[in-house]
Amino acid sequence: MELPWHLYVMAGLYILAGLNHFRKPRLYRKIIPPYLPNPNLLNALSGIAEIVLGACLCVPVLSKYAAFGIVALLVAVFPANIFMYTNEQAAFGLPKWMRLARLPLQIVLILWAFLYTGLND
């Protein structure tokens, strides 16, 4: 089974994003809502998940499962995007309109990952 080139683009983006969780953990910890426990652990787990799922996208026998995993991950981290929108300290100085624009972008990323689950065939 040959995988489409754009799947590799997605995989690369998730691998790089996952690595960034360890390169600049403060950025990610800052947007974890305070009601969630252990931001350091959550940051590390989400970074590892992005790296592993991104790599698994490139393995034909695993790519559909990895796509489901990415959909689940994007849903799981959505509260961080909402927190970033509603909390000025988590905003990185971005204007409110830009933070609002990130919310539907998450939906686009979910739909992009869903394309590779095989459920739309």
N, C-alpha and C. Protein backbone atom coordinates (compact mmCIF):
# COMPACT_ATOMS: atom_id res chain seq x y z
N MET A 1 0.84 -1.19 0.00
CA MET A 1 0.00 0.00 0.00
C MET A 1 0.88 1.25 0.00
N GLU A 2 0.66 2.09 -0.95
CA GLU A 2 1.44 3.32 -1.03
C GLU A 2 0.66 4.46 -0.36
N LEU A 3 1.38 5.22 0.44
CA LEU A 3 0.75 6.31 1.17
C LEU A 3 0.88 7.61 0.38
N PRO A 4 -0.13 8.48 0.44
CA PRO A 4 -0.06 9.74 -0.29
C PRO A 4 1.00 10.68 0.31
N TRP A 5 1.57 11.51 -0.54
CA TRP A 5 2.64 12.41 -0.11
C TRP A 5 2.19 13.35 1.01
N HIS A 6 0.93 13.78 0.97
CA HIS A 6 0.45 14.74 1.98
C HIS A 6 0.33 14.10 3.35
N LEU A 7 0.26 12.78 3.41
CA LEU A 7 0.28 12.10 4.70
C LEU A 7 1.65 12.28 5.36
N TYR A 8 2.70 12.26 4.54
CA TYR A 8 4.05 12.48 5.07
C TYR A 8 4.23 13.92 5.55
N VAL A 9 3.56 14.85 4.89
CA VAL A 9 3.59 16.25 5.36
C VAL A 9 2.97 16.33 6.75
N MET A 10 1.80 15.71 6.89
CA MET A 10 1.14 15.70 8.19
C MET A 10 2.04 15.04 9.23
N ALA A 11 2.61 13.90 8.89
CA ALA A 11 3.47 13.18 9.82
C ALA A 11 4.63 14.06 10.26
N GLY A 12 5.27 14.72 9.33
CA GLY A 12 6.38 15.61 9.66
C GLY A 12 5.97 16.73 10.59
N LEU A 13 4.81 17.30 10.35
CA LEU A 13 4.32 18.39 11.21
C LEU A 13 4.11 17.91 12.64
N TYR A 14 3.52 16.72 12.79
CA TYR A 14 3.29 16.20 14.15
C TYR A 14 4.59 15.81 14.83
N ILE A 15 5.52 15.23 14.10
CA ILE A 15 6.81 14.88 14.70
C ILE A 15 7.53 16.14 15.16
N LEU A 16 7.57 17.15 14.32
CA LEU A 16 8.23 18.41 14.71
C LEU A 16 7.53 19.08 15.89
N ALA A 17 6.20 19.09 15.86
CA ALA A 17 5.45 19.68 16.98
C ALA A 17 5.73 18.90 18.27
N GLY A 18 5.77 17.57 18.17
CA GLY A 18 6.06 16.76 19.35
C GLY A 18 7.45 17.03 19.91
N LEU A 19 8.43 17.15 19.03
CA LEU A 19 9.79 17.47 19.48
C LEU A 19 9.84 18.83 20.14
N ASN A 20 9.02 19.75 19.65
CA ASN A 20 9.00 21.11 20.21
C ASN A 20 8.49 21.11 21.65
N HIS A 21 7.69 20.12 22.03
CA HIS A 21 7.22 20.02 23.42
C HIS A 21 8.40 19.86 24.37
N PHE A 22 9.49 19.29 23.89
CA PHE A 22 10.67 19.07 24.73
C PHE A 22 11.70 20.18 24.54
N ARG A 23 11.66 20.81 23.38
CA ARG A 23 12.57 21.92 23.10
C ARG A 23 12.14 23.18 23.84
N LYS A 24 10.82 23.44 23.86
CA LYS A 24 10.27 24.65 24.49
C LYS A 24 9.06 24.27 25.35
N PRO A 25 9.27 23.50 26.39
CA PRO A 25 8.14 23.01 27.19
C PRO A 25 7.32 24.12 27.84
N ARG A 26 7.96 25.22 28.17
CA ARG A 26 7.26 26.33 28.83
C ARG A 26 6.09 26.83 27.99
N LEU A 27 6.28 26.87 26.67
CA LEU A 27 5.22 27.34 25.79
C LEU A 27 3.97 26.48 25.92
N TYR A 28 4.16 25.19 26.00
CA TYR A 28 3.03 24.27 26.05
C TYR A 28 2.42 24.21 27.45
N ARG A 29 3.28 24.23 28.48
CA ARG A 29 2.76 24.21 29.85
C ARG A 29 1.90 25.43 30.13
N LYS A 30 2.25 26.53 29.51
CA LYS A 30 1.54 27.79 29.74
C LYS A 30 0.07 27.72 29.30
N ILE A 31 -0.24 26.90 28.31
CA ILE A 31 -1.62 26.85 27.81
C ILE A 31 -2.41 25.66 28.37
N ILE A 32 -1.81 24.89 29.27
CA ILE A 32 -2.55 23.80 29.91
C ILE A 32 -3.43 24.42 30.99
N PRO A 33 -4.73 24.18 30.91
CA PRO A 33 -5.64 24.77 31.91
C PRO A 33 -5.26 24.34 33.33
N PRO A 34 -5.41 25.26 34.29
CA PRO A 34 -4.98 24.96 35.66
C PRO A 34 -5.78 23.85 36.34
N TYR A 35 -6.96 23.52 35.83
CA TYR A 35 -7.74 22.46 36.45
C TYR A 35 -7.21 21.07 36.07
N LEU A 36 -6.28 21.00 35.13
CA LEU A 36 -5.68 19.72 34.77
C LEU A 36 -4.43 19.49 35.62
N PRO A 37 -4.23 18.28 36.10
CA PRO A 37 -3.09 18.02 36.98
C PRO A 37 -1.78 17.85 36.21
N ASN A 38 -0.69 18.13 36.88
CA ASN A 38 0.67 17.85 36.42
C ASN A 38 0.96 18.30 34.98
N PRO A 39 1.05 19.61 34.77
CA PRO A 39 1.32 20.12 33.42
C PRO A 39 2.60 19.58 32.78
N ASN A 40 3.62 19.31 33.60
CA ASN A 40 4.87 18.76 33.04
C ASN A 40 4.62 17.40 32.41
N LEU A 41 3.90 16.56 33.11
CA LEU A 41 3.59 15.22 32.60
C LEU A 41 2.69 15.31 31.37
N LEU A 42 1.67 16.14 31.43
CA LEU A 42 0.75 16.29 30.29
C LEU A 42 1.48 16.79 29.05
N ASN A 43 2.41 17.73 29.25
CA ASN A 43 3.19 18.24 28.12
C ASN A 43 4.05 17.12 27.53
N ALA A 44 4.71 16.37 28.38
CA ALA A 44 5.57 15.27 27.89
C ALA A 44 4.75 14.20 27.18
N LEU A 45 3.61 13.83 27.77
CA LEU A 45 2.77 12.80 27.15
C LEU A 45 2.23 13.24 25.79
N SER A 46 1.80 14.49 25.71
CA SER A 46 1.28 14.95 24.42
C SER A 46 2.40 15.06 23.39
N GLY A 47 3.59 15.46 23.82
CA GLY A 47 4.73 15.50 22.90
C GLY A 47 5.10 14.12 22.39
N ILE A 48 5.16 13.16 23.31
CA ILE A 48 5.47 11.78 22.92
C ILE A 48 4.39 11.25 21.98
N ALA A 49 3.14 11.53 22.30
CA ALA A 49 2.04 11.06 21.44
C ALA A 49 2.16 11.63 20.04
N GLU A 50 2.49 12.91 19.92
CA GLU A 50 2.63 13.52 18.59
C GLU A 50 3.78 12.87 17.81
N ILE A 51 4.89 12.63 18.47
CA ILE A 51 6.04 12.01 17.80
C ILE A 51 5.69 10.59 17.35
N VAL A 52 5.16 9.79 18.26
CA VAL A 52 4.85 8.39 17.95
C VAL A 52 3.77 8.30 16.87
N LEU A 53 2.69 9.07 17.03
CA LEU A 53 1.61 9.03 16.04
C LEU A 53 2.08 9.54 14.68
N GLY A 54 2.90 10.59 14.68
CA GLY A 54 3.45 11.09 13.42
C GLY A 54 4.29 10.04 12.73
N ALA A 55 5.13 9.35 13.48
CA ALA A 55 5.97 8.29 12.89
C ALA A 55 5.10 7.14 12.40
N CYS A 56 4.08 6.78 13.16
CA CYS A 56 3.20 5.67 12.76
C CYS A 56 2.37 5.99 11.52
N LEU A 57 2.13 7.27 11.27
CA LEU A 57 1.44 7.64 10.02
C LEU A 57 2.22 7.17 8.80
N CYS A 58 3.52 7.08 8.93
CA CYS A 58 4.38 6.72 7.80
C CYS A 58 4.50 5.22 7.58
N VAL A 59 3.90 4.43 8.45
CA VAL A 59 3.95 2.98 8.35
C VAL A 59 2.59 2.51 7.83
N PRO A 60 2.54 2.00 6.59
CA PRO A 60 1.24 1.69 5.98
C PRO A 60 0.30 0.86 6.86
N VAL A 61 0.81 -0.14 7.53
CA VAL A 61 -0.06 -1.00 8.33
C VAL A 61 -0.59 -0.29 9.58
N LEU A 62 0.06 0.80 9.98
CA LEU A 62 -0.32 1.54 11.18
C LEU A 62 -0.98 2.89 10.90
N SER A 63 -0.91 3.36 9.67
CA SER A 63 -1.30 4.75 9.38
C SER A 63 -2.75 5.05 9.74
N LYS A 64 -3.67 4.13 9.48
CA LYS A 64 -5.08 4.38 9.82
C LYS A 64 -5.28 4.50 11.33
N TYR A 65 -4.60 3.65 12.08
CA TYR A 65 -4.70 3.70 13.54
C TYR A 65 -4.09 4.99 14.07
N ALA A 66 -2.97 5.38 13.48
CA ALA A 66 -2.33 6.63 13.90
C ALA A 66 -3.22 7.83 13.61
N ALA A 67 -3.93 7.79 12.48
CA ALA A 67 -4.84 8.89 12.15
C ALA A 67 -5.95 9.00 13.19
N PHE A 68 -6.49 7.85 13.63
CA PHE A 68 -7.49 7.86 14.71
C PHE A 68 -6.88 8.44 15.98
N GLY A 69 -5.64 8.06 16.26
CA GLY A 69 -4.95 8.58 17.44
C GLY A 69 -4.78 10.09 17.38
N ILE A 70 -4.46 10.61 16.20
CA ILE A 70 -4.30 12.05 16.06
C ILE A 70 -5.63 12.77 16.25
N VAL A 71 -6.70 12.20 15.70
CA VAL A 71 -8.03 12.79 15.93
C VAL A 71 -8.30 12.85 17.43
N ALA A 72 -8.06 11.74 18.13
CA ALA A 72 -8.30 11.69 19.58
C ALA A 72 -7.41 12.70 20.31
N LEU A 73 -6.15 12.78 19.91
CA LEU A 73 -5.24 13.73 20.55
C LEU A 73 -5.70 15.16 20.35
N LEU A 74 -6.12 15.50 19.14
CA LEU A 74 -6.57 16.87 18.87
C LEU A 74 -7.82 17.22 19.67
N VAL A 75 -8.69 16.25 19.85
CA VAL A 75 -9.87 16.48 20.70
C VAL A 75 -9.43 16.65 22.16
N ALA A 76 -8.49 15.84 22.60
CA ALA A 76 -8.02 15.89 23.99
C ALA A 76 -7.33 17.21 24.33
N VAL A 77 -6.62 17.79 23.38
CA VAL A 77 -5.89 19.03 23.68
C VAL A 77 -6.72 20.28 23.37
N PHE A 78 -7.94 20.11 22.89
CA PHE A 78 -8.77 21.27 22.56
C PHE A 78 -9.00 22.19 23.77
N PRO A 79 -9.15 21.66 24.99
CA PRO A 79 -9.28 22.57 26.14
C PRO A 79 -8.10 23.55 26.28
N ALA A 80 -6.92 23.14 25.87
CA ALA A 80 -5.77 24.06 25.92
C ALA A 80 -5.97 25.22 24.96
N ASN A 81 -6.56 24.95 23.81
CA ASN A 81 -6.83 26.04 22.86
C ASN A 81 -7.90 26.99 23.39
N ILE A 82 -8.90 26.43 24.03
CA ILE A 82 -9.94 27.28 24.64
C ILE A 82 -9.34 28.11 25.77
N PHE A 83 -8.50 27.48 26.61
CA PHE A 83 -7.85 28.20 27.70
C PHE A 83 -6.98 29.33 27.15
N MET A 84 -6.26 29.05 26.09
CA MET A 84 -5.42 30.08 25.47
C MET A 84 -6.27 31.25 24.97
N TYR A 85 -7.44 30.95 24.44
CA TYR A 85 -8.34 32.00 23.96
C TYR A 85 -8.89 32.85 25.11
N THR A 86 -9.22 32.20 26.21
CA THR A 86 -9.90 32.91 27.29
C THR A 86 -8.96 33.52 28.33
N ASN A 87 -7.70 33.16 28.34
CA ASN A 87 -6.79 33.60 29.38
C ASN A 87 -5.65 34.42 28.79
N GLU A 88 -5.55 35.65 29.21
CA GLU A 88 -4.52 36.56 28.66
C GLU A 88 -3.10 36.09 28.99
N GLN A 89 -2.88 35.47 30.16
CA GLN A 89 -1.53 35.00 30.50
C GLN A 89 -1.09 33.84 29.61
N ALA A 90 -2.03 33.10 29.06
CA ALA A 90 -1.70 31.97 28.19
C ALA A 90 -1.69 32.37 26.72
N ALA A 91 -1.87 33.65 26.44
CA ALA A 91 -2.10 34.11 25.06
C ALA A 91 -0.84 34.40 24.26
N PHE A 92 0.32 34.38 24.89
CA PHE A 92 1.59 34.68 24.20
C PHE A 92 1.56 36.05 23.53
N GLY A 93 0.72 36.95 24.03
CA GLY A 93 0.63 38.29 23.44
C GLY A 93 -0.14 38.34 22.14
N LEU A 94 -0.76 37.22 21.74
CA LEU A 94 -1.54 37.21 20.49
C LEU A 94 -2.86 37.94 20.71
N PRO A 95 -3.31 38.67 19.71
CA PRO A 95 -4.61 39.33 19.85
C PRO A 95 -5.74 38.30 19.95
N LYS A 96 -6.82 38.71 20.58
CA LYS A 96 -7.94 37.79 20.82
C LYS A 96 -8.50 37.21 19.52
N TRP A 97 -8.56 38.01 18.44
CA TRP A 97 -9.11 37.52 17.18
C TRP A 97 -8.27 36.38 16.62
N MET A 98 -6.95 36.46 16.82
CA MET A 98 -6.05 35.43 16.31
C MET A 98 -6.21 34.14 17.12
N ARG A 99 -6.40 34.30 18.42
CA ARG A 99 -6.62 33.12 19.27
C ARG A 99 -7.96 32.48 18.95
N LEU A 100 -8.94 33.30 18.61
CA LEU A 100 -10.24 32.77 18.21
C LEU A 100 -10.12 32.00 16.89
N ALA A 101 -9.31 32.50 15.98
CA ALA A 101 -9.12 31.85 14.68
C ALA A 101 -8.47 30.47 14.83
N ARG A 102 -7.72 30.27 15.91
CA ARG A 102 -7.08 28.97 16.14
C ARG A 102 -8.10 27.88 16.43
N LEU A 103 -9.25 28.24 16.98
CA LEU A 103 -10.23 27.23 17.37
C LEU A 103 -10.78 26.47 16.16
N PRO A 104 -11.25 27.15 15.11
CA PRO A 104 -11.69 26.38 13.94
C PRO A 104 -10.53 25.70 13.21
N LEU A 105 -9.33 26.22 13.35
CA LEU A 105 -8.17 25.55 12.75
C LEU A 105 -8.01 24.15 13.33
N GLN A 106 -8.31 24.00 14.61
CA GLN A 106 -8.23 22.68 15.23
C GLN A 106 -9.21 21.72 14.57
N ILE A 107 -10.37 22.22 14.20
CA ILE A 107 -11.37 21.39 13.51
C ILE A 107 -10.85 20.98 12.13
N VAL A 108 -10.19 21.90 11.45
CA VAL A 108 -9.60 21.58 10.15
C VAL A 108 -8.54 20.48 10.31
N LEU A 109 -7.72 20.58 11.35
CA LEU A 109 -6.70 19.55 11.59
C LEU A 109 -7.34 18.20 11.90
N ILE A 110 -8.44 18.21 12.64
CA ILE A 110 -9.16 16.96 12.93
C ILE A 110 -9.69 16.35 11.64
N LEU A 111 -10.29 17.18 10.80
CA LEU A 111 -10.82 16.69 9.53
C LEU A 111 -9.70 16.16 8.62
N TRP A 112 -8.56 16.84 8.61
CA TRP A 112 -7.41 16.40 7.81
C TRP A 112 -6.97 15.01 8.28
N ALA A 113 -6.84 14.82 9.59
CA ALA A 113 -6.43 13.51 10.11
C ALA A 113 -7.50 12.46 9.81
N PHE A 114 -8.77 12.86 9.90
CA PHE A 114 -9.86 11.92 9.63
C PHE A 114 -9.80 11.36 8.21
N LEU A 115 -9.26 12.14 7.27
CA LEU A 115 -9.14 11.67 5.90
C LEU A 115 -8.35 10.37 5.79
N TYR A 116 -7.43 10.15 6.72
CA TYR A 116 -6.54 9.00 6.66
C TYR A 116 -7.00 7.82 7.50
N THR A 117 -8.19 7.93 8.11
CA THR A 117 -8.69 6.83 8.94
C THR A 117 -9.27 5.70 8.12
N GLY A 118 -9.62 5.99 6.88
CA GLY A 118 -10.23 4.97 6.02
C GLY A 118 -11.73 4.90 6.16
N LEU A 119 -12.31 5.65 7.08
CA LEU A 119 -13.76 5.62 7.27
C LEU A 119 -14.50 6.36 6.16
N ASN A 120 -13.80 7.21 5.45
CA ASN A 120 -14.45 7.99 4.38
C ASN A 120 -14.29 7.32 3.01
N ASP A 121 -13.75 6.12 2.97
CA ASP A 121 -13.56 5.42 1.69
C ASP A 121 -14.88 4.89 1.16
